[in-house]
Amino acid sequence: MIKELKYFLYISIIIIFFTLITKYYFSDKNKKYSHVNINFFKFKMKDNKLNLPLLLSDTNNIIIIVNNENKKNKKNFKFWELLY
């Protein structure tokens, strides 16, 4: 008898919890608050976007091509010989 009451209490608490959560989530107050918050952050992001400084590119002609074909001290690595 006590075991059934305990299960009933657990199930009823879970059901009450989910009903209160859904009631709050779908309430007009929550929708209004979230809409105001979203609009505020959109406006804030737009304002921050306008105040960002523009950085000029300084990466022109920085690539240097190195020619290693003429290197005389080229060391040959022999991986398979290391295993033997």
Protein backbone atom coordinates (compact mmCIF):
# COMPACT_ATOMS: atom_id res chain seq x y z
CA MET A 1 0.00 0.00 0.00
CA ILE A 2 2.76 2.41 0.94
CA LYS A 3 4.72 1.45 -2.17
CA GLU A 4 1.76 2.36 -4.42
CA LEU A 5 1.31 5.67 -2.63
CA LYS A 6 4.98 6.44 -3.07
CA TYR A 7 4.77 5.75 -6.83
CA PHE A 8 1.61 7.81 -7.08
CA LEU A 9 3.33 10.70 -5.33
CA TYR A 10 6.36 10.49 -7.66
CA ILE A 11 4.22 10.39 -10.77
CA SER A 12 2.01 13.23 -9.59
CA ILE A 13 5.04 15.42 -8.82
CA ILE A 14 6.48 14.74 -12.27
CA ILE A 15 3.17 15.54 -13.96
CA ILE A 16 2.74 18.75 -11.97
CA PHE A 17 6.30 19.79 -12.80
CA PHE A 18 5.81 19.34 -16.55
CA THR A 19 2.43 21.06 -16.57
CA LEU A 20 3.81 24.10 -14.76
CA ILE A 21 6.81 24.24 -17.09
CA THR A 22 4.64 24.10 -20.22
CA LYS A 23 2.17 26.60 -18.77
CA TYR A 24 4.97 29.10 -18.16
CA TYR A 25 6.68 28.44 -21.49
CA PHE A 26 3.52 29.06 -23.54
CA SER A 27 2.31 32.01 -21.46
CA ASP A 28 1.91 35.42 -23.05
CA LYS A 29 4.20 36.98 -20.48
CA ASN A 30 7.07 34.71 -21.45
CA LYS A 31 6.50 35.24 -25.18
CA LYS A 32 6.44 39.00 -24.72
CA TYR A 33 9.58 38.96 -22.57
CA SER A 34 11.49 36.78 -25.03
CA HIS A 35 10.38 38.92 -27.99
CA VAL A 36 11.57 42.09 -26.23
CA ASN A 37 14.87 40.43 -25.38
CA ILE A 38 15.44 39.26 -28.95
CA ASN A 39 14.71 42.71 -30.35
CA PHE A 40 17.01 44.34 -27.82
CA PHE A 41 19.90 42.07 -28.75
CA LYS A 42 19.26 42.56 -32.47
CA PHE A 43 19.47 46.30 -31.98
CA LYS A 44 22.58 45.97 -29.82
CA MET A 45 24.29 43.77 -32.42
CA LYS A 46 23.40 46.19 -35.18
CA ASP A 47 24.84 49.07 -33.18
CA ASN A 48 28.03 47.14 -32.44
CA LYS A 49 28.37 46.19 -36.07
CA LEU A 50 28.38 49.84 -37.10
CA ASN A 51 31.07 50.73 -34.55
CA LEU A 52 33.56 48.05 -35.57
CA PRO A 53 36.82 49.39 -36.98
CA LEU A 54 37.80 48.30 -40.45
CA LEU A 55 41.27 46.78 -40.63
CA LEU A 56 43.21 47.09 -43.83
CA SER A 57 44.94 44.09 -45.32
CA ASP A 58 48.72 44.07 -44.97
CA THR A 59 49.30 40.66 -46.54
CA ASN A 60 50.30 41.80 -50.02
CA ASN A 61 53.45 40.21 -51.44
CA ILE A 62 54.43 38.30 -48.33
CA ILE A 63 54.76 34.89 -49.96
CA ILE A 64 58.39 34.01 -50.64
CA ILE A 65 59.05 31.02 -52.85
CA VAL A 66 62.05 29.04 -51.69
CA ASN A 67 63.81 26.85 -54.20
CA ASN A 68 65.36 23.82 -52.46
CA GLU A 69 66.42 21.93 -55.56
CA ASN A 70 69.98 23.23 -55.43
CA LYS A 71 70.59 22.11 -51.89
CA LYS A 72 73.65 19.81 -51.84
CA ASN A 73 73.38 18.47 -48.29
CA LYS A 74 70.14 16.74 -48.85
CA LYS A 75 69.70 13.98 -46.31
CA ASN A 76 67.84 10.87 -47.43
CA PHE A 77 65.64 9.40 -44.79
CA LYS A 78 65.30 5.66 -44.91
CA PHE A 79 62.42 4.64 -42.74
CA TRP A 80 62.46 0.94 -43.57
CA GLU A 81 66.12 0.61 -42.68
CA LEU A 82 65.36 1.86 -39.20
CA LEU A 83 63.05 -1.08 -38.66
CA TYR A 84 65.68 -3.68 -39.47
